[in-house]
Protein backbone atom coordinates (compact mmCIF):
# COMPACT_ATOMS: atom_id res chain seq x y z
CA MET A 1 -4.38 -4.06 28.82
CA VAL A 2 -7.57 -3.19 27.28
CA ASN A 3 -10.74 -2.92 29.20
CA ARG A 4 -13.09 -5.66 27.87
CA ILE A 5 -16.46 -4.40 27.03
CA SER A 6 -19.59 -6.12 26.19
CA LEU A 7 -19.22 -5.95 22.33
CA PRO A 8 -18.38 -8.73 19.79
CA VAL A 9 -14.86 -8.25 19.50
CA LEU A 10 -11.84 -10.07 17.96
CA VAL A 11 -8.55 -8.67 18.78
CA ALA A 12 -5.83 -9.75 16.31
CA PHE A 13 -1.97 -8.92 15.70
CA VAL A 14 -1.56 -7.91 12.39
CA MET A 15 1.92 -7.70 10.93
CA ALA A 16 1.69 -5.20 8.34
CA GLY A 17 0.45 -1.75 7.30
CA CYS A 18 -2.80 -3.65 6.91
CA GLY A 19 -3.68 -7.09 6.69
CA GLU A 20 -5.08 -10.42 7.89
CA SER A 21 -5.70 -11.53 11.35
CA ASP A 22 -2.48 -13.36 12.96
CA ASN A 23 -2.64 -14.68 16.47
CA PRO A 24 -6.09 -13.69 17.73
CA THR A 25 -5.92 -13.06 21.19
CA ALA A 26 -9.48 -12.72 22.54
CA HIS A 27 -13.04 -13.66 21.66
CA LEU A 28 -15.69 -12.34 23.43
CA PRO A 29 -19.27 -13.52 23.01
CA VAL A 30 -21.71 -11.90 20.67
CA ALA A 31 -23.94 -9.03 21.94
CA ASP A 32 -27.18 -8.02 20.87
CA ALA A 33 -26.37 -4.62 20.28
CA CYS A 34 -23.39 -2.35 20.13
CA PRO A 35 -24.28 1.20 21.78
CA VAL A 36 -22.30 4.01 20.38
CA ASP A 37 -21.01 4.96 23.96
CA GLU A 38 -19.66 1.64 24.55
CA GLN A 39 -18.01 1.37 20.95
CA LYS A 40 -16.14 4.95 21.98
CA GLN A 41 -15.09 3.54 25.34
CA PHE A 42 -13.90 0.42 23.59
CA VAL A 43 -11.77 2.18 20.95
CA LEU A 44 -10.24 4.75 23.75
CA ASP A 45 -9.35 1.50 25.87
CA ALA A 46 -7.77 -0.23 22.95
CA MET A 47 -5.65 2.89 21.85
CA ARG A 48 -4.24 3.40 25.49
CA ASP A 49 -3.18 -0.22 25.51
CA VAL A 50 -1.92 -0.94 21.77
CA TYR A 51 -1.38 2.47 19.91
CA TYR A 52 2.37 2.74 19.18
CA TRP A 53 2.46 6.35 20.49
CA ASN A 54 0.04 5.75 23.44
CA ASP A 55 2.24 7.69 25.85
CA LEU A 56 1.03 10.94 23.73
CA LEU A 57 -2.51 10.37 24.26
CA PRO A 58 -4.32 12.86 26.64
CA ALA A 59 -4.99 11.54 30.27
CA VAL A 60 -8.40 12.83 30.18
CA VAL A 61 -11.06 12.10 27.40
CA ASN A 62 -14.46 13.12 27.36
CA LEU A 63 -16.19 10.70 25.40
CA GLU A 64 -19.54 12.69 25.27
CA SER A 65 -17.72 15.17 22.92
CA TYR A 66 -17.67 12.63 20.12
CA ALA A 67 -20.60 11.62 18.03
CA SER A 68 -18.74 8.30 16.66
CA PRO A 69 -15.91 6.20 17.51
CA GLU A 70 -14.28 7.24 14.08
CA ALA A 71 -14.68 10.79 15.09
CA LEU A 72 -13.23 9.75 18.53
CA LEU A 73 -10.15 8.13 16.65
CA ASP A 74 -9.34 11.16 14.51
CA GLU A 75 -8.89 13.50 17.68
CA LEU A 76 -6.63 10.70 19.41
CA ILE A 77 -4.29 10.18 16.44
CA ALA A 78 -4.00 13.84 15.99
CA VAL A 79 -1.34 13.66 18.69
CA GLN A 80 1.03 12.12 16.48
CA PRO A 81 1.63 13.95 13.27
CA LEU A 82 3.56 10.83 11.65
CA ASP A 83 0.27 8.98 12.17
CA ASN A 84 -1.87 9.18 8.82
CA PHE A 85 -2.68 5.39 8.88
CA SER A 86 -4.96 4.54 11.94
CA TYR A 87 -8.53 4.02 11.02
CA ILE A 88 -11.91 2.21 11.49
CA ASP A 89 -13.55 0.28 8.65
CA LEU A 90 -16.34 -2.19 8.22
CA LEU A 91 -15.12 -5.71 8.81
CA ALA A 92 -16.59 -7.26 5.90
CA THR A 93 -15.01 -4.52 3.63
CA ASP A 94 -11.71 -5.14 5.37
CA SER A 95 -11.93 -9.00 4.78
CA GLN A 96 -13.08 -8.67 1.31
CA PHE A 97 -10.05 -6.78 0.48
CA PHE A 98 -7.37 -8.40 2.13
CA ASN A 99 -8.64 -11.92 1.64
CA GLU A 100 -10.26 -11.97 -1.65
CA GLY A 101 -8.54 -8.82 -3.17
CA GLN A 102 -11.83 -7.09 -3.97
CA TYR A 103 -13.48 -3.79 -3.23
CA GLU A 104 -16.61 -1.71 -4.14
CA GLY A 105 -15.22 0.78 -6.44
CA PHE A 106 -14.87 2.25 -9.92
CA GLY A 107 -11.58 0.28 -10.55
CA PHE A 108 -8.80 2.99 -10.95
CA SER A 109 -6.19 4.82 -9.34
CA SER A 110 -5.23 8.41 -10.14
CA SER A 111 -2.86 11.06 -9.58
CA PHE A 112 -2.64 14.89 -9.62
CA GLU A 113 0.05 16.06 -12.11
CA SER A 114 -0.35 19.73 -11.31
CA ALA A 115 -3.09 21.32 -9.40
CA ASP A 116 -6.03 20.79 -11.88
CA ASP A 117 -4.22 18.16 -14.06
CA LEU A 118 -5.77 14.68 -12.69
CA ARG A 119 -4.83 11.44 -14.69
CA PHE A 120 -5.44 7.98 -14.61
CA LEU A 121 -2.44 6.24 -13.20
CA SER A 122 -3.99 2.65 -13.80
CA VAL A 123 -7.23 0.89 -14.63
CA PHE A 124 -8.04 -2.35 -13.09
CA SER A 125 -9.05 -5.07 -15.79
CA GLU A 126 -12.72 -6.05 -16.17
CA SER A 127 -13.84 -2.93 -13.72
CA PRO A 128 -16.40 -0.54 -14.38
CA ALA A 129 -13.67 1.88 -15.33
CA ALA A 130 -12.10 -0.36 -17.74
CA GLU A 131 -15.56 -0.92 -19.38
CA ALA A 132 -15.96 2.86 -19.62
CA GLY A 133 -12.86 3.09 -21.64
CA PHE A 134 -10.59 4.49 -19.30
CA VAL A 135 -6.72 4.16 -19.89
CA ARG A 136 -3.67 5.20 -17.97
CA GLY A 137 -2.62 8.68 -18.71
CA GLN A 138 -5.98 9.96 -19.83
CA ARG A 139 -6.88 13.36 -18.07
CA ILE A 140 -10.06 13.71 -16.01
CA ILE A 141 -11.68 17.10 -17.10
CA MET A 142 -14.73 17.07 -15.21
CA LEU A 143 -16.87 15.15 -12.88
CA ASN A 144 -20.57 15.65 -12.61
CA GLY A 145 -20.05 18.76 -14.95
CA ARG A 146 -17.72 20.47 -12.38
CA THR A 147 -14.24 21.48 -13.11
CA ILE A 148 -11.21 19.83 -11.17
CA THR A 149 -10.10 23.11 -10.11
CA ASP A 150 -13.69 23.99 -8.63
CA ILE A 151 -14.22 20.51 -6.66
CA GLU A 152 -10.66 20.88 -5.40
CA MET A 153 -11.24 24.27 -3.96
CA ASN A 154 -14.31 22.89 -2.32
CA GLU A 155 -14.89 19.18 -0.84
CA GLY A 156 -12.19 17.79 -3.01
CA VAL A 157 -12.34 14.96 -5.59
CA GLY A 158 -12.09 12.20 -2.81
CA GLU A 159 -15.56 13.17 -1.73
CA LEU A 160 -16.92 13.09 -5.42
CA PHE A 161 -15.20 9.28 -5.95
CA ALA A 162 -16.95 8.52 -2.60
CA LEU A 163 -20.36 8.68 -4.59
CA PRO A 164 -22.13 5.47 -6.01
CA SER A 165 -22.08 6.63 -9.63
CA LEU A 166 -20.34 9.72 -11.24
CA GLU A 167 -20.17 11.29 -14.45
CA PHE A 168 -16.81 11.69 -16.00
CA THR A 169 -15.51 14.03 -18.63
CA VAL A 170 -12.28 12.50 -19.80
CA ARG A 171 -9.60 13.84 -22.40
CA ARG A 172 -7.43 11.29 -24.40
CA PRO A 173 -3.91 12.03 -25.37
CA ASP A 174 -4.84 12.98 -28.79
CA ALA A 175 -7.05 15.75 -27.03
CA SER A 176 -10.13 14.15 -27.88
CA GLU A 177 -12.88 14.20 -25.08
CA PHE A 178 -15.87 11.75 -23.91
CA VAL A 179 -18.34 11.79 -21.42
CA VAL A 180 -19.57 8.74 -19.36
CA THR A 181 -21.28 7.68 -16.63
CA VAL A 182 -19.92 5.17 -14.26
CA GLU A 183 -21.43 3.07 -11.59
CA LYS A 184 -19.54 1.23 -8.95
CA ASP A 185 -19.36 -2.20 -8.67
CA LEU A 186 -17.37 -5.01 -7.21
CA VAL A 187 -13.83 -4.63 -8.53
CA THR A 188 -11.38 -7.82 -8.23
CA ILE A 189 -7.79 -6.50 -8.07
CA ASP A 190 -4.94 -8.86 -10.06
CA PRO A 191 -2.13 -8.59 -7.72
CA VAL A 192 0.27 -9.61 -10.04
CA PRO A 193 -0.67 -8.23 -13.59
CA ARG A 194 2.32 -8.14 -15.42
CA THR A 195 5.73 -10.15 -15.40
CA ARG A 196 8.28 -10.35 -17.95
CA ILE A 197 11.90 -12.26 -18.59
CA ILE A 198 14.29 -10.14 -20.20
CA ASP A 199 17.68 -11.33 -21.48
CA LEU A 200 20.28 -8.48 -21.34
CA PRO A 201 23.26 -8.31 -23.94
CA SER A 202 25.64 -9.21 -21.23
CA GLY A 203 23.98 -12.40 -20.83
CA ILE A 204 21.89 -11.69 -17.41
CA SER A 205 18.53 -13.01 -17.47
CA VAL A 206 16.37 -10.50 -15.70
CA GLY A 207 12.86 -11.31 -14.06
CA TYR A 208 10.30 -8.54 -13.93
CA ILE A 209 7.02 -8.62 -11.71
CA LEU A 210 4.68 -5.95 -11.28
CA LEU A 211 2.81 -6.08 -8.00
CA THR A 212 -0.15 -4.00 -7.11
CA THR A 213 -0.94 -5.20 -3.53
CA PHE A 214 0.12 -7.37 -1.01
CA ILE A 215 -2.97 -9.69 -0.62
CA GLY A 216 -3.79 -13.44 -0.34
CA THR A 217 -4.55 -13.84 -3.85
CA ALA A 218 -0.74 -13.03 -4.79
CA HIS A 219 0.42 -16.26 -3.06
CA PRO A 220 -0.06 -18.85 -5.71
CA ALA A 221 0.92 -16.04 -8.49
CA PHE A 222 4.38 -15.91 -6.69
CA ALA A 223 4.81 -19.59 -7.05
CA THR A 224 4.12 -19.52 -10.60
CA VAL A 225 6.21 -16.65 -11.48
CA PHE A 226 9.40 -17.73 -9.68
CA ALA A 227 9.18 -21.27 -11.11
CA ASP A 228 9.15 -19.68 -14.22
CA PHE A 229 11.89 -17.37 -13.43
CA ALA A 230 14.05 -20.19 -12.22
CA GLN A 231 13.44 -22.16 -15.23
CA ALA A 232 14.89 -19.30 -17.25
CA GLY A 233 18.06 -18.99 -15.31
CA VAL A 234 16.77 -15.58 -13.61
CA THR A 235 19.56 -14.16 -11.42
CA ASP A 236 18.23 -10.58 -11.12
CA VAL A 237 14.99 -9.52 -10.35
CA ILE A 238 13.05 -5.96 -10.83
CA VAL A 239 10.07 -5.71 -8.43
CA ASP A 240 7.69 -2.90 -9.72
CA LEU A 241 6.06 -1.46 -6.54
CA ARG A 242 5.62 2.03 -7.92
CA TYR A 243 1.71 2.04 -6.95
CA ASN A 244 1.86 -0.51 -4.12
CA GLY A 245 0.77 0.81 -0.98
CA GLY A 246 1.16 -2.35 1.25
CA GLY A 247 -0.99 -4.80 2.54
CA ARG A 248 -0.66 -8.22 4.42
CA VAL A 249 2.71 -8.75 5.98
CA ASP A 250 2.72 -12.50 5.34
CA THR A 251 2.48 -11.80 1.66
CA ALA A 252 5.28 -9.58 2.27
CA GLU A 253 7.31 -12.08 3.99
CA LEU A 254 6.55 -14.94 1.26
CA LEU A 255 7.99 -12.41 -1.47
CA GLY A 256 10.99 -11.84 0.55
CA ASP A 257 11.25 -15.85 0.80
CA TYR A 258 11.28 -16.04 -2.98
CA LEU A 259 13.65 -13.43 -3.29
CA GLY A 260 16.16 -14.34 -0.78
CA GLY A 261 15.15 -17.72 1.00
CA VAL A 262 17.85 -19.88 -1.15
CA ALA A 263 20.92 -17.95 0.14
CA ASN A 264 19.47 -16.89 3.57
CA ASN A 265 17.28 -19.80 4.61
CA GLY A 266 16.70 -19.56 8.67
CA MET A 267 18.26 -15.89 9.15
CA ILE A 268 16.37 -12.84 9.97
CA PHE A 269 14.02 -11.34 7.59
CA SER A 270 12.40 -8.61 9.60
CA LYS A 271 11.73 -7.37 13.14
CA THR A 272 8.23 -6.27 14.69
CA GLN A 273 8.29 -4.29 17.77
CA PHE A 274 5.29 -2.89 19.91
CA ASN A 275 5.07 -0.56 22.66
CA ASP A 276 6.03 -1.08 26.23
CA ASN A 277 2.58 -2.73 27.02
CA ASN A 278 2.85 -5.59 24.33
CA VAL A 279 6.54 -6.44 24.28
CA LEU A 280 5.57 -10.00 24.48
CA SER A 281 4.32 -9.62 21.02
CA ASN A 282 7.58 -8.66 19.75
CA ARG A 283 8.05 -10.77 16.66
CA THR A 284 11.09 -11.73 14.33
CA ALA A 285 10.40 -13.33 11.07
CA LEU A 286 12.96 -15.71 9.42
CA PHE A 287 13.52 -16.37 5.87
CA GLN A 288 11.85 -19.88 4.63
CA GLN A 289 13.23 -21.48 1.47
CA PRO A 290 10.20 -22.01 -1.02
CA ALA A 291 10.32 -25.62 -2.88
CA VAL A 292 11.38 -23.55 -6.24
CA THR A 293 12.83 -20.04 -6.66
CA ILE A 294 15.64 -18.28 -7.86
CA ASN A 295 19.23 -17.81 -6.30
CA LEU A 296 19.00 -13.72 -6.57
CA SER A 297 22.12 -11.73 -7.28
CA SER A 298 20.57 -8.29 -7.47
CA LEU A 299 17.31 -6.55 -6.83
CA VAL A 300 16.00 -3.39 -8.15
CA VAL A 301 12.69 -2.10 -6.79
CA ILE A 302 10.78 0.40 -8.84
CA ALA A 303 8.98 2.83 -6.34
CA THR A 304 7.53 6.18 -6.07
CA ASP A 305 5.96 8.12 -3.01
CA ARG A 306 2.91 5.72 -3.27
CA THR A 307 5.23 2.62 -2.34
CA ALA A 308 4.69 2.17 1.29
CA SER A 309 4.10 -0.21 4.13
CA ALA A 310 4.72 -3.87 3.06
CA SER A 311 6.57 -2.65 -0.02
CA GLU A 312 8.84 -0.74 2.10
CA LEU A 313 9.30 -3.55 4.60
CA VAL A 314 10.34 -5.98 1.72
CA THR A 315 12.65 -3.69 0.49
CA ASN A 316 14.28 -2.56 3.66
CA SER A 317 14.45 -6.19 4.85
CA MET A 318 16.44 -7.28 1.64
CA PHE A 319 19.22 -4.30 2.28
CA PRO A 320 21.21 -6.57 4.48
CA TYR A 321 21.22 -9.76 2.08
CA ALA A 322 21.47 -8.40 -1.45
CA ASN A 323 22.50 -5.65 -3.98
CA VAL A 324 19.15 -3.45 -3.63
CA THR A 325 18.75 -0.57 -5.79
CA ILE A 326 15.88 1.90 -5.93
CA VAL A 327 14.73 3.31 -9.08
CA GLY A 328 12.09 6.03 -9.51
CA SER A 329 11.59 8.31 -6.85
CA PRO A 330 11.52 8.01 -2.81
CA THR A 331 9.02 5.89 -1.00
CA LEU A 332 6.35 7.18 1.18
CA GLY A 333 7.66 6.55 4.41
CA LYS A 334 5.67 3.92 6.62
CA PRO A 335 7.80 1.98 8.79
CA VAL A 336 4.98 1.23 11.27
CA GLY A 337 2.01 -0.97 10.95
CA GLN A 338 -1.38 -1.62 12.42
CA LEU A 339 -3.20 -4.17 14.28
CA GLY A 340 -6.65 -5.42 13.58
CA ILE A 341 -8.99 -5.17 16.39
CA GLN A 342 -12.66 -6.17 15.74
CA PHE A 343 -15.57 -4.80 17.46
CA CYS A 344 -19.37 -4.97 16.42
CA ASP A 345 -19.39 -5.14 12.53
CA LYS A 346 -16.12 -2.82 12.63
CA ILE A 347 -12.69 -3.22 12.61
CA LEU A 348 -10.18 -0.68 14.30
CA ARG A 349 -6.83 -0.74 12.77
CA PRO A 350 -4.60 1.59 15.04
CA THR A 351 -0.77 2.02 14.20
CA ALA A 352 0.93 -0.31 17.10
CA PHE A 353 4.35 -1.32 15.89
CA GLU A 354 7.30 -0.62 13.87
CA THR A 355 9.49 -2.88 11.74
CA LEU A 356 13.13 -3.08 11.60
CA ASN A 357 15.35 -5.17 9.33
CA ALA A 358 18.04 -7.71 10.45
CA ASN A 359 20.37 -4.68 11.30
CA ASP A 360 17.89 -2.90 13.16
CA GLU A 361 17.43 -0.39 10.69
CA GLY A 362 14.02 1.47 10.43
CA GLY A 363 12.52 4.62 10.90
CA TYR A 364 12.09 5.74 7.43
CA PHE A 365 9.37 8.49 7.92
CA ASP A 366 11.03 10.34 5.25
CA GLY A 367 10.97 7.35 2.81
CA LEU A 368 13.43 5.26 1.11
CA PRO A 369 15.51 7.03 -0.99
CA ALA A 370 16.00 6.37 -4.64
CA ASN A 371 19.48 5.58 -6.20
CA CYS A 372 18.65 6.24 -9.84
CA PRO A 373 15.73 8.76 -10.53
CA ALA A 374 13.55 7.97 -13.20
CA ALA A 375 10.10 9.60 -14.35
CA ASP A 376 6.97 8.02 -14.44
CA ASP A 377 5.47 8.59 -17.83
CA LEU A 378 1.85 8.10 -17.62
CA LEU A 379 1.51 8.02 -21.44
CA ILE A 380 3.60 4.58 -21.58
CA PRO A 381 2.26 1.53 -20.26
CA VAL A 382 3.80 0.30 -16.90
CA GLY A 383 6.73 -2.42 -17.77
CA ASP A 384 6.59 -1.71 -21.52
CA ASP A 385 9.98 -1.54 -23.34
CA LEU A 386 9.95 2.28 -23.09
CA ASP A 387 8.65 2.57 -19.70
CA PRO A 388 11.54 5.30 -17.90
CA ASN A 389 11.54 3.14 -14.94
CA LEU A 390 12.14 -0.26 -16.60
CA VAL A 391 14.62 1.52 -19.02
CA THR A 392 16.57 2.65 -15.88
CA ALA A 393 16.27 -0.41 -14.13
CA LEU A 394 17.53 -2.57 -16.96
CA HIS A 395 20.62 -0.11 -17.39
CA PHE A 396 21.36 -0.29 -14.01
CA LEU A 397 21.55 -4.02 -13.97
CA GLU A 398 23.60 -4.06 -17.51
CA ASN A 399 26.16 -1.46 -16.51
CA GLY A 400 26.07 -1.10 -12.75
CA ALA A 401 25.43 2.49 -12.86
CA CYS A 402 22.34 4.76 -13.20
CA PRO A 403 21.88 6.16 -16.79
CA THR A 404 22.85 9.80 -17.49
CA PRO A 405 19.90 12.17 -16.91
CA SER A 406 18.32 13.22 -20.28
CA VAL A 407 18.45 16.89 -21.29
CA ALA A 408 15.25 17.76 -19.54
CA THR A 409 15.73 17.55 -15.55
CA ILE A 410 13.75 14.77 -14.26
CA GLU A 411 11.03 16.22 -11.90
CA LEU A 412 10.28 13.62 -9.09
CA GLN A 413 6.54 13.68 -7.79
CA LYS A 414 5.47 15.56 -4.96
CA PRO A 415 4.78 13.81 -1.80
CA ALA A 416 1.51 12.52 -1.17
CA PHE A 417 0.62 14.76 1.48
CA GLU A 418 1.07 17.65 -0.92
CA ARG A 419 -0.89 16.20 -3.73
CA TYR A 420 -3.88 15.47 -1.45
CA ASN A 421 -4.93 16.13 2.22
CA VAL A 422 -4.45 12.82 3.89
CA ARG A 423 -6.11 13.39 7.01
CA ASP A 424 -9.52 14.34 5.19
CA LEU A 425 -9.53 11.25 3.44
CA ARG A 426 -8.90 9.12 6.63
CA ARG A 427 -12.31 7.55 6.82
CA ARG A 428 -11.10 5.76 3.68
CA PRO A 429 -9.29 2.54 4.30
CA VAL A 430 -5.61 2.94 4.41
CA TRP A 431 -4.67 0.91 1.39
CA GLN A 432 -7.13 3.25 -0.59
CA LYS A 433 -5.43 6.30 0.51
CA LEU A 434 -2.10 5.15 -0.36
CA ALA A 435 -2.86 3.72 -3.72
CA GLY A 436 -5.63 6.19 -4.68
CA ALA A 437 -7.73 3.40 -5.66
CA TYR A 438 -11.42 4.14 -6.58
């Protein structure tokens, strides 16, 4: 087990890619100081105990070689190429996001469409980015007067996005441009920014829900949305997770309850398995039927390579129980999750477990494959009538088959690790890395 040191520490098992505390196992008295040497020793001890691949860690580690616990963690997880997810963050920042759905930032997510073509994927309402006039599909031409090509050849845009304020040169779809300086502020994420009920010609009522991340503030939204779906006689659901990088597992399990709890109440939703040191913490989650929800017939998940962690957990866990179709492109591939281990004013989130569905299926490090490919057109709002992903999903539900590809071949997005260096961004919380949120 972890060698306890004189640091204010809370070890908590967290059942998601990242998430809230569940089952605190130790609480030590608050110390007056947190020496860096003791922080490094604590991180090493914790990793030897709970890290999912702890058998790969070096037998001898010279702690004096590392300036900080963060530098030590970077070196430790380098032993496992599959682990782009373990990180250390400030406890206050961690709690603010997962419990309150807030973070300090500009309020947008972005994506490289090509080497120098950086676009806004989404802009959070009432954020500094929204107030600056940023809209999905606009192209970022320059940052602080420097071209994207120049920045990417040097430090990378992630370094500039970390600044407290930034001058953006932005090009609209009509080729006009504007320049604006934006300062970071507290951004509140709406976890369910869009829902729809769509009646197909065949008489099927389809419920559409866009879920941006798995956080606690989504829970009351689920109750409202699925009550509306039930009243409208919805049997088929489209869950849009195309930019959802994960979050709290209790939120993922709750979504599973609303989707499959009627037909599968009391049956296995998912399994969580730890390393050999912590088999007593292995856990099985069961479906629990909510008071009001739907009797699901078919589920379509809209995905991209930014769909990860808790998003993949829900999708994989529904496979044994429903007709599940993935539209878009393959998911990122994160069948593992982290613990939350508090020390001083920080939290260590090491990859510590894998998740499986009721059929013991998991290990999808290459991502969950898409059944029906569809392009993500940034010039069309997410979930609109002309959104290629929604069109494809509705066609499948109406006809039981994917639509015939258009004349132009659909070019799927490159994997995230090809679009930016994930390891260079490791100091950012994993939800930001996966969602590209700033």
